[in-house]
Amino acid sequence: MSDSIPNPVWTTCKDAAGIAGNIFAFGLFVSPIPTYRRIIRNRSTEQFSGLPYIYALMNCLICMWYGTPLVSADNLLLVTVNSFGAVFQLAYIILFTIYAERRIKVRTLASLLVVLGLFAIIAVGSLQITDRMIRWLSVGSLTVVSLISMFASPLFIINLVIRTKSVEFMPFYLSLSTFLMSTSFMLYGLLNFDAFVYVPNGIGAILGIIQLALYVHYKKKSTQDSIEPLIASHA
């Protein structure tokens, strides 16, 4: 497993990055609240997708398991952030299913059961691996796949933004929190020499930059369009 350097300054920097990641992650966890206020007010999920919350829940569960001492060393900050994240995502999924159409409701609940079943298989199965190094490599590899899947889930929203030329369904604070959290945990992983953490979070930081760039571009375009006269004067 990853080696740690017994340097107080280095350790402090690593912990600071991890704590920052926890703080920004909390911002990420609460950022969908305005979206859910709208869903509850309109009693409809409209064009919002429940998949990002399904992916996020799976990611939180796997990363939480990876951070436990049973799998990896010195990664308790991963356990704290992902434990809170799992609770938030589960709450969002439940609310989403309440207001979704029947077809989407069934599909979302089925996806939730699949996620919980897969996590149970991963947790129980990894404990059957007696070699700690192989267990670390196995769960770490799954962590990378899960994180990349979670960070790739906004590609649906990115495609929707480009297609509609509107940022209505891509909340700004969600994109900002994703970028800040990914950047913080990328630094945390680098300082902890843990490629299973810094590689996927580096990809997440890049995708976060893309979302922010699209938001700025299409928000500015929408503002410019809104100030144009509805009837052009030809006098």
C-alpha atoms as a PDB file:
ATOM      1  CA  MET A   1       0.000   0.000   0.000  1.00  0.00           C
ATOM      2  CA  SER A   2       1.009   3.648  -0.280  1.00  0.00           C
ATOM      3  CA  ASP A   3       3.927   4.747   1.838  1.00  0.00           C
ATOM      4  CA  SER A   4       3.632   7.838   4.029  1.00  0.00           C
ATOM      5  CA  ILE A   5       6.433  10.298   4.683  1.00  0.00           C
ATOM      6  CA  PRO A   6       6.889  11.088   8.399  1.00  0.00           C
ATOM      7  CA  ASN A   7       7.178  14.828   7.720  1.00  0.00           C
ATOM      8  CA  PRO A   8       4.928  17.065   9.859  1.00  0.00           C
ATOM      9  CA  VAL A   9       4.665  19.768   7.187  1.00  0.00           C
ATOM     10  CA  TRP A  10       3.892  17.240   4.472  1.00  0.00           C
ATOM     11  CA  THR A  11       1.283  15.538   6.665  1.00  0.00           C
ATOM     12  CA  THR A  12      -0.296  18.880   7.541  1.00  0.00           C
ATOM     13  CA  CYS A  13      -0.582  19.815   3.855  1.00  0.00           C
ATOM     14  CA  LYS A  14      -2.116  16.436   3.048  1.00  0.00           C
ATOM     15  CA  ASP A  15      -4.643  16.716   5.885  1.00  0.00           C
ATOM     16  CA  ALA A  16      -5.465  20.301   4.871  1.00  0.00           C
ATOM     17  CA  ALA A  17      -6.206  19.139   1.320  1.00  0.00           C
ATOM     18  CA  GLY A  18      -8.379  16.325   2.662  1.00  0.00           C
ATOM     19  CA  ILE A  19     -10.284  18.636   5.002  1.00  0.00           C
ATOM     20  CA  ALA A  20     -10.774  21.136   2.153  1.00  0.00           C
ATOM     21  CA  GLY A  21     -12.077  18.255   0.056  1.00  0.00           C
ATOM     22  CA  ASN A  22     -14.561  17.392   2.813  1.00  0.00           C
ATOM     23  CA  ILE A  23     -15.749  21.011   2.994  1.00  0.00           C
ATOM     24  CA  PHE A  24     -16.133  21.376  -0.776  1.00  0.00           C
ATOM     25  CA  ALA A  25     -17.812  17.980  -0.923  1.00  0.00           C
ATOM     26  CA  PHE A  26     -20.407  19.220   1.553  1.00  0.00           C
ATOM     27  CA  GLY A  27     -21.063  22.078  -0.854  1.00  0.00           C
ATOM     28  CA  LEU A  28     -21.453  19.475  -3.588  1.00  0.00           C
ATOM     29  CA  PHE A  29     -23.853  17.434  -1.459  1.00  0.00           C
ATOM     30  CA  VAL A  30     -26.167  20.392  -0.720  1.00  0.00           C
ATOM     31  CA  SER A  31     -25.941  21.989  -4.187  1.00  0.00           C
ATOM     32  CA  PRO A  32     -28.916  19.982  -5.577  1.00  0.00           C
ATOM     33  CA  ILE A  33     -31.233  21.474  -2.917  1.00  0.00           C
ATOM     34  CA  PRO A  34     -32.452  24.324  -5.202  1.00  0.00           C
ATOM     35  CA  THR A  35     -33.136  21.739  -7.895  1.00  0.00           C
ATOM     36  CA  TYR A  36     -35.190  19.653  -5.486  1.00  0.00           C
ATOM     37  CA  ARG A  37     -37.076  22.702  -4.285  1.00  0.00           C
ATOM     38  CA  ARG A  38     -38.099  23.214  -7.888  1.00  0.00           C
ATOM     39  CA  ILE A  39     -39.017  19.528  -8.289  1.00  0.00           C
ATOM     40  CA  ILE A  40     -41.119  19.587  -5.111  1.00  0.00           C
ATOM     41  CA  ARG A  41     -42.759  22.893  -6.083  1.00  0.00           C
ATOM     42  CA  ASN A  42     -43.660  21.661  -9.577  1.00  0.00           C
ATOM     43  CA  ARG A  43     -44.259  18.083  -8.399  1.00  0.00           C
ATOM     44  CA  SER A  44     -42.293  16.887 -11.427  1.00  0.00           C
ATOM     45  CA  THR A  45     -38.680  15.912 -12.173  1.00  0.00           C
ATOM     46  CA  GLU A  46     -39.000  17.593 -15.599  1.00  0.00           C
ATOM     47  CA  GLN A  47     -35.821  16.917 -17.644  1.00  0.00           C
ATOM     48  CA  PHE A  48     -33.645  16.372 -14.588  1.00  0.00           C
ATOM     49  CA  SER A  49     -31.915  13.007 -14.436  1.00  0.00           C
ATOM     50  CA  GLY A  50     -31.645  10.734 -11.415  1.00  0.00           C
ATOM     51  CA  LEU A  51     -28.592   8.930 -12.780  1.00  0.00           C
ATOM     52  CA  PRO A  52     -26.021  11.349 -11.295  1.00  0.00           C
ATOM     53  CA  TYR A  53     -27.355  10.583  -7.804  1.00  0.00           C
ATOM     54  CA  ILE A  54     -27.256   6.830  -8.453  1.00  0.00           C
ATOM     55  CA  TYR A  55     -23.655   7.083  -9.645  1.00  0.00           C
ATOM     56  CA  ALA A  56     -22.798   9.358  -6.726  1.00  0.00           C
ATOM     57  CA  LEU A  57     -24.237   6.895  -4.202  1.00  0.00           C
ATOM     58  CA  MET A  58     -22.272   3.993  -5.674  1.00  0.00           C
ATOM     59  CA  ASN A  59     -19.146   6.124  -5.698  1.00  0.00           C
ATOM     60  CA  CYS A  60     -19.627   7.189  -2.064  1.00  0.00           C
ATOM     61  CA  LEU A  61     -20.139   3.620  -0.876  1.00  0.00           C
ATOM     62  CA  ILE A  62     -17.105   2.231  -2.702  1.00  0.00           C
ATOM     63  CA  CYS A  63     -14.829   5.142  -1.737  1.00  0.00           C
ATOM     64  CA  MET A  64     -16.007   4.901   1.871  1.00  0.00           C
ATOM     65  CA  TRP A  65     -15.118   1.207   1.868  1.00  0.00           C
ATOM     66  CA  TYR A  66     -11.733   1.911   0.267  1.00  0.00           C
ATOM     67  CA  GLY A  67     -10.945   4.480   2.959  1.00  0.00           C
ATOM     68  CA  THR A  68     -11.564   2.106   5.862  1.00  0.00           C
ATOM     69  CA  PRO A  69      -8.549   0.549   7.645  1.00  0.00           C
ATOM     70  CA  LEU A  70      -9.779  -2.829   6.403  1.00  0.00           C
ATOM     71  CA  VAL A  71      -8.688  -1.830   2.897  1.00  0.00           C
ATOM     72  CA  SER A  72      -6.249   1.099   2.948  1.00  0.00           C
ATOM     73  CA  ALA A  73      -4.139   2.978   5.463  1.00  0.00           C
ATOM     74  CA  ASP A  74      -4.380   6.639   6.497  1.00  0.00           C
ATOM     75  CA  ASN A  75      -7.489   7.450   4.464  1.00  0.00           C
ATOM     76  CA  LEU A  76     -10.076   8.173   7.163  1.00  0.00           C
ATOM     77  CA  LEU A  77     -10.914  11.532   5.547  1.00  0.00           C
ATOM     78  CA  LEU A  78     -12.301   9.511   2.656  1.00  0.00           C
ATOM     79  CA  VAL A  79     -14.541   7.626   5.083  1.00  0.00           C
ATOM     80  CA  THR A  80     -16.003  10.779   6.650  1.00  0.00           C
ATOM     81  CA  VAL A  81     -16.778  12.590   3.410  1.00  0.00           C
ATOM     82  CA  ASN A  82     -18.261   9.563   1.671  1.00  0.00           C
ATOM     83  CA  SER A  83     -20.369   8.531   4.668  1.00  0.00           C
ATOM     84  CA  PHE A  84     -22.105  11.917   4.632  1.00  0.00           C
ATOM     85  CA  GLY A  85     -22.286  11.758   0.849  1.00  0.00           C
ATOM     86  CA  ALA A  86     -24.056   8.405   0.875  1.00  0.00           C
ATOM     87  CA  VAL A  87     -26.745   9.744   3.232  1.00  0.00           C
ATOM     88  CA  PHE A  88     -27.341  12.820   1.050  1.00  0.00           C
ATOM     89  CA  GLN A  89     -27.483  10.835  -2.198  1.00  0.00           C
ATOM     90  CA  LEU A  90     -29.908   8.312  -0.741  1.00  0.00           C
ATOM     91  CA  ALA A  91     -32.192  11.146   0.377  1.00  0.00           C
ATOM     92  CA  TYR A  92     -32.080  12.725  -3.100  1.00  0.00           C
ATOM     93  CA  ILE A  93     -32.848   9.414  -4.789  1.00  0.00           C
ATOM     94  CA  ILE A  94     -35.880   8.859  -2.555  1.00  0.00           C
ATOM     95  CA  LEU A  95     -37.210  12.353  -3.321  1.00  0.00           C
ATOM     96  CA  PHE A  96     -36.550  11.878  -7.025  1.00  0.00           C
ATOM     97  CA  THR A  97     -38.553   8.649  -7.136  1.00  0.00           C
ATOM     98  CA  ILE A  98     -41.473  10.278  -5.331  1.00  0.00           C
ATOM     99  CA  TYR A  99     -41.949  12.916  -8.038  1.00  0.00           C
ATOM    100  CA  ALA A 100     -40.731  11.007 -11.096  1.00  0.00           C
ATOM    101  CA  GLU A 101     -43.000   9.484 -13.729  1.00  0.00           C
ATOM    102  CA  ARG A 102     -43.866   5.840 -13.151  1.00  0.00           C
ATOM    103  CA  ARG A 103     -41.478   4.559 -15.838  1.00  0.00           C
ATOM    104  CA  ILE A 104     -38.572   6.615 -14.464  1.00  0.00           C
ATOM    105  CA  LYS A 105     -39.561   5.771 -10.890  1.00  0.00           C
ATOM    106  CA  VAL A 106     -39.312   2.015 -11.541  1.00  0.00           C
ATOM    107  CA  ARG A 107     -36.012   2.388 -13.368  1.00  0.00           C
ATOM    108  CA  THR A 108     -34.530   4.523 -10.578  1.00  0.00           C
ATOM    109  CA  LEU A 109     -35.601   2.115  -7.826  1.00  0.00           C
ATOM    110  CA  ALA A 110     -34.215  -0.819  -9.821  1.00  0.00           C
ATOM    111  CA  SER A 111     -30.910   1.017 -10.215  1.00  0.00           C
ATOM    112  CA  LEU A 112     -30.828   1.702  -6.469  1.00  0.00           C
ATOM    113  CA  LEU A 113     -31.295  -1.989  -5.665  1.00  0.00           C
ATOM    114  CA  VAL A 114     -28.542  -2.896  -8.123  1.00  0.00           C
ATOM    115  CA  VAL A 115     -26.168  -0.396  -6.496  1.00  0.00           C
ATOM    116  CA  LEU A 116     -26.844  -1.682  -2.970  1.00  0.00           C
ATOM    117  CA  GLY A 117     -26.464  -5.277  -4.146  1.00  0.00           C
ATOM    118  CA  LEU A 118     -23.190  -4.573  -5.928  1.00  0.00           C
ATOM    119  CA  PHE A 119     -21.778  -2.793  -2.887  1.00  0.00           C
ATOM    120  CA  ALA A 120     -22.682  -5.725  -0.632  1.00  0.00           C
ATOM    121  CA  ILE A 121     -20.932  -8.106  -3.042  1.00  0.00           C
ATOM    122  CA  ILE A 122     -17.848  -5.852  -3.175  1.00  0.00           C
ATOM    123  CA  ALA A 123     -17.609  -5.453   0.602  1.00  0.00           C
ATOM    124  CA  VAL A 124     -18.157  -9.107   1.468  1.00  0.00           C
ATOM    125  CA  GLY A 125     -16.095 -10.354  -1.467  1.00  0.00           C
ATOM    126  CA  SER A 126     -13.086  -8.151  -0.696  1.00  0.00           C
ATOM    127  CA  LEU A 127     -13.003  -9.392   2.891  1.00  0.00           C
ATOM    128  CA  GLN A 128     -12.519 -12.890   1.528  1.00  0.00           C
ATOM    129  CA  ILE A 129      -9.156 -11.753   0.098  1.00  0.00           C
ATOM    130  CA  THR A 130      -6.666 -12.464   2.859  1.00  0.00           C
ATOM    131  CA  ASP A 131      -3.719 -10.773   1.154  1.00  0.00           C
ATOM    132  CA  ARG A 132      -3.978  -7.090   2.196  1.00  0.00           C
ATOM    133  CA  MET A 133      -2.046  -5.858  -0.862  1.00  0.00           C
ATOM    134  CA  ILE A 134      -4.316  -7.692  -3.315  1.00  0.00           C
ATOM    135  CA  ARG A 135      -7.377  -6.464  -1.402  1.00  0.00           C
ATOM    136  CA  TRP A 136      -6.064  -2.874  -1.609  1.00  0.00           C
ATOM    137  CA  LEU A 137      -5.359  -3.172  -5.328  1.00  0.00           C
ATOM    138  CA  SER A 138      -8.733  -4.770  -6.048  1.00  0.00           C
ATOM    139  CA  VAL A 139     -10.870  -2.262  -4.151  1.00  0.00           C
ATOM    140  CA  GLY A 140      -8.654   0.607  -5.301  1.00  0.00           C
ATOM    141  CA  SER A 141      -9.193  -0.345  -8.934  1.00  0.00           C
ATOM    142  CA  LEU A 142     -12.958  -0.411  -8.358  1.00  0.00           C
ATOM    143  CA  THR A 143     -12.671   3.003  -6.710  1.00  0.00           C
ATOM    144  CA  VAL A 144     -11.039   4.440  -9.827  1.00  0.00           C
ATOM    145  CA  VAL A 145     -13.752   2.972 -12.069  1.00  0.00           C
ATOM    146  CA  SER A 146     -16.499   4.264  -9.774  1.00  0.00           C
ATOM    147  CA  LEU A 147     -15.042   7.765  -9.509  1.00  0.00           C
ATOM    148  CA  ILE A 148     -14.560   8.077 -13.256  1.00  0.00           C
ATOM    149  CA  SER A 149     -18.133   6.873 -13.810  1.00  0.00           C
ATOM    150  CA  MET A 150     -19.426   9.478 -11.380  1.00  0.00           C
ATOM    151  CA  PHE A 151     -17.422  12.282 -12.952  1.00  0.00           C
ATOM    152  CA  ALA A 152     -18.521  11.145 -16.417  1.00  0.00           C
ATOM    153  CA  SER A 153     -22.226  11.176 -15.495  1.00  0.00           C
ATOM    154  CA  PRO A 154     -22.500  14.969 -16.053  1.00  0.00           C
ATOM    155  CA  LEU A 155     -21.639  14.316 -19.714  1.00  0.00           C
ATOM    156  CA  PHE A 156     -25.395  13.839 -20.204  1.00  0.00           C
ATOM    157  CA  ILE A 157     -25.982  17.323 -18.812  1.00  0.00           C
ATOM    158  CA  ILE A 158     -23.095  18.749 -20.850  1.00  0.00           C
ATOM    159  CA  ASN A 159     -24.674  17.298 -23.991  1.00  0.00           C
ATOM    160  CA  LEU A 160     -28.050  18.781 -22.978  1.00  0.00           C
ATOM    161  CA  VAL A 161     -26.479  22.208 -22.428  1.00  0.00           C
ATOM    162  CA  ILE A 162     -24.778  22.186 -25.833  1.00  0.00           C
ATOM    163  CA  ARG A 163     -27.906  20.904 -27.558  1.00  0.00           C
ATOM    164  CA  THR A 164     -30.296  23.401 -25.936  1.00  0.00           C
ATOM    165  CA  LYS A 165     -27.740  26.219 -25.596  1.00  0.00           C
ATOM    166  CA  SER A 166     -29.082  26.707 -22.079  1.00  0.00           C
ATOM    167  CA  VAL A 167     -27.604  26.153 -18.610  1.00  0.00           C
ATOM    168  CA  GLU A 168     -31.040  25.755 -17.004  1.00  0.00           C
ATOM    169  CA  PHE A 169     -30.440  22.100 -16.155  1.00  0.00           C
ATOM    170  CA  MET A 170     -26.779  22.465 -15.109  1.00  0.00           C
ATOM    171  CA  PRO A 171     -26.700  24.211 -11.698  1.00  0.00           C
ATOM    172  CA  PHE A 172     -23.639  26.437 -11.361  1.00  0.00           C
ATOM    173  CA  TYR A 173     -22.844  25.561  -7.741  1.00  0.00           C
ATOM    174  CA  LEU A 174     -22.969  21.849  -8.547  1.00  0.00           C
ATOM    175  CA  SER A 175     -20.312  22.309 -11.233  1.00  0.00           C
ATOM    176  CA  LEU A 176     -18.214  24.604  -9.022  1.00  0.00           C
ATOM    177  CA  SER A 177     -18.352  22.249  -6.041  1.00  0.00           C
ATOM    178  CA  THR A 178     -17.396  19.307  -8.253  1.00  0.00           C
ATOM    179  CA  PHE A 179     -14.342  21.167  -9.524  1.00  0.00           C
ATOM    180  CA  LEU A 180     -13.201  22.333  -6.071  1.00  0.00           C
ATOM    181  CA  MET A 181     -13.754  18.934  -4.438  1.00  0.00           C
ATOM    182  CA  SER A 182     -11.984  17.067  -7.234  1.00  0.00           C
ATOM    183  CA  THR A 183      -9.024  19.437  -7.135  1.00  0.00           C
ATOM    184  CA  SER A 184      -8.701  19.123  -3.346  1.00  0.00           C
ATOM    185  CA  PHE A 185      -8.785  15.328  -3.366  1.00  0.00           C
ATOM    186  CA  MET A 186      -6.411  15.237  -6.317  1.00  0.00           C
ATOM    187  CA  LEU A 187      -3.903  17.126  -4.145  1.00  0.00           C
ATOM    188  CA  TYR A 188      -4.747  14.880  -1.180  1.00  0.00           C
ATOM    189  CA  GLY A 189      -4.051  11.796  -3.280  1.00  0.00           C
ATOM    190  CA  LEU A 190      -0.803  13.240  -4.638  1.00  0.00           C
ATOM    191  CA  LEU A 191       0.438  14.095  -1.147  1.00  0.00           C
ATOM    192  CA  ASN A 192      -0.557  10.625   0.042  1.00  0.00           C
ATOM    193  CA  PHE A 193       1.052   8.935  -2.982  1.00  0.00           C
ATOM    194  CA  ASP A 194      -2.273   7.250  -3.714  1.00  0.00           C
ATOM    195  CA  ALA A 195      -2.927   6.953  -7.448  1.00  0.00           C
ATOM    196  CA  PHE A 196      -6.343   5.446  -6.742  1.00  0.00           C
ATOM    197  CA  VAL A 197      -7.333   8.869  -5.396  1.00  0.00           C
ATOM    198  CA  TYR A 198      -5.473  11.452  -7.454  1.00  0.00           C
ATOM    199  CA  VAL A 199      -5.942   9.957 -10.942  1.00  0.00           C
ATOM    200  CA  PRO A 200      -9.778   9.887 -11.030  1.00  0.00           C
ATOM    201  CA  ASN A 201     -10.047  13.174  -9.143  1.00  0.00           C
ATOM    202  CA  GLY A 202      -7.691  14.744 -11.677  1.00  0.00           C
ATOM    203  CA  ILE A 203     -10.121  13.667 -14.401  1.00  0.00           C
ATOM    204  CA  GLY A 204     -12.976  15.081 -12.313  1.00  0.00           C
ATOM    205  CA  ALA A 205     -11.179  18.423 -12.052  1.00  0.00           C
ATOM    206  CA  ILE A 206     -10.825  18.578 -15.853  1.00  0.00           C
ATOM    207  CA  LEU A 207     -14.514  17.785 -16.366  1.00  0.00           C
ATOM    208  CA  GLY A 208     -15.362  20.418 -13.760  1.00  0.00           C
ATOM    209  CA  ILE A 209     -13.427  23.013 -15.742  1.00  0.00           C
ATOM    210  CA  ILE A 210     -15.341  22.034 -18.887  1.00  0.00           C
ATOM    211  CA  GLN A 211     -18.684  22.446 -17.100  1.00  0.00           C
ATOM    212  CA  LEU A 212     -17.702  25.844 -15.713  1.00  0.00           C
ATOM    213  CA  ALA A 213     -16.508  26.990 -19.133  1.00  0.00           C
ATOM    214  CA  LEU A 214     -19.801  25.914 -20.718  1.00  0.00           C
ATOM    215  CA  TYR A 215     -21.750  27.666 -17.990  1.00  0.00           C
ATOM    216  CA  VAL A 216     -19.894  30.930 -18.529  1.00  0.00           C
ATOM    217  CA  HIS A 217     -20.232  30.661 -22.323  1.00  0.00           C
ATOM    218  CA  TYR A 218     -23.951  29.866 -22.496  1.00  0.00           C
ATOM    219  CA  LYS A 219     -24.929  32.048 -19.530  1.00  0.00           C
ATOM    220  CA  LYS A 220     -23.267  35.009 -21.239  1.00  0.00           C
ATOM    221  CA  LYS A 221     -24.959  34.116 -24.531  1.00  0.00           C
ATOM    222  CA  SER A 222     -28.341  33.853 -22.832  1.00  0.00           C
ATOM    223  CA  THR A 223     -27.826  37.259 -21.218  1.00  0.00           C
ATOM    224  CA  GLN A 224     -26.864  38.813 -24.536  1.00  0.00           C
ATOM    225  CA  ASP A 225     -29.907  37.300 -26.269  1.00  0.00           C
ATOM    226  CA  SER A 226     -32.219  38.547 -23.539  1.00  0.00           C
ATOM    227  CA  ILE A 227     -31.178  42.184 -23.998  1.00  0.00           C
ATOM    228  CA  GLU A 228     -31.753  42.175 -27.751  1.00  0.00           C
ATOM    229  CA  PRO A 229     -34.987  43.958 -28.834  1.00  0.00           C
ATOM    230  CA  LEU A 230     -37.890  41.634 -29.583  1.00  0.00           C
ATOM    231  CA  ILE A 231     -38.746  43.655 -32.693  1.00  0.00           C
ATOM    232  CA  ALA A 232     -35.875  44.956 -34.773  1.00  0.00           C
ATOM    233  CA  SER A 233     -36.220  48.515 -36.027  1.00  0.00           C
ATOM    234  CA  HIS A 234     -35.653  49.019 -39.738  1.00  0.00           C
ATOM    235  CA  ALA A 235     -36.241  52.754 -39.741  1.00  0.00           C
END
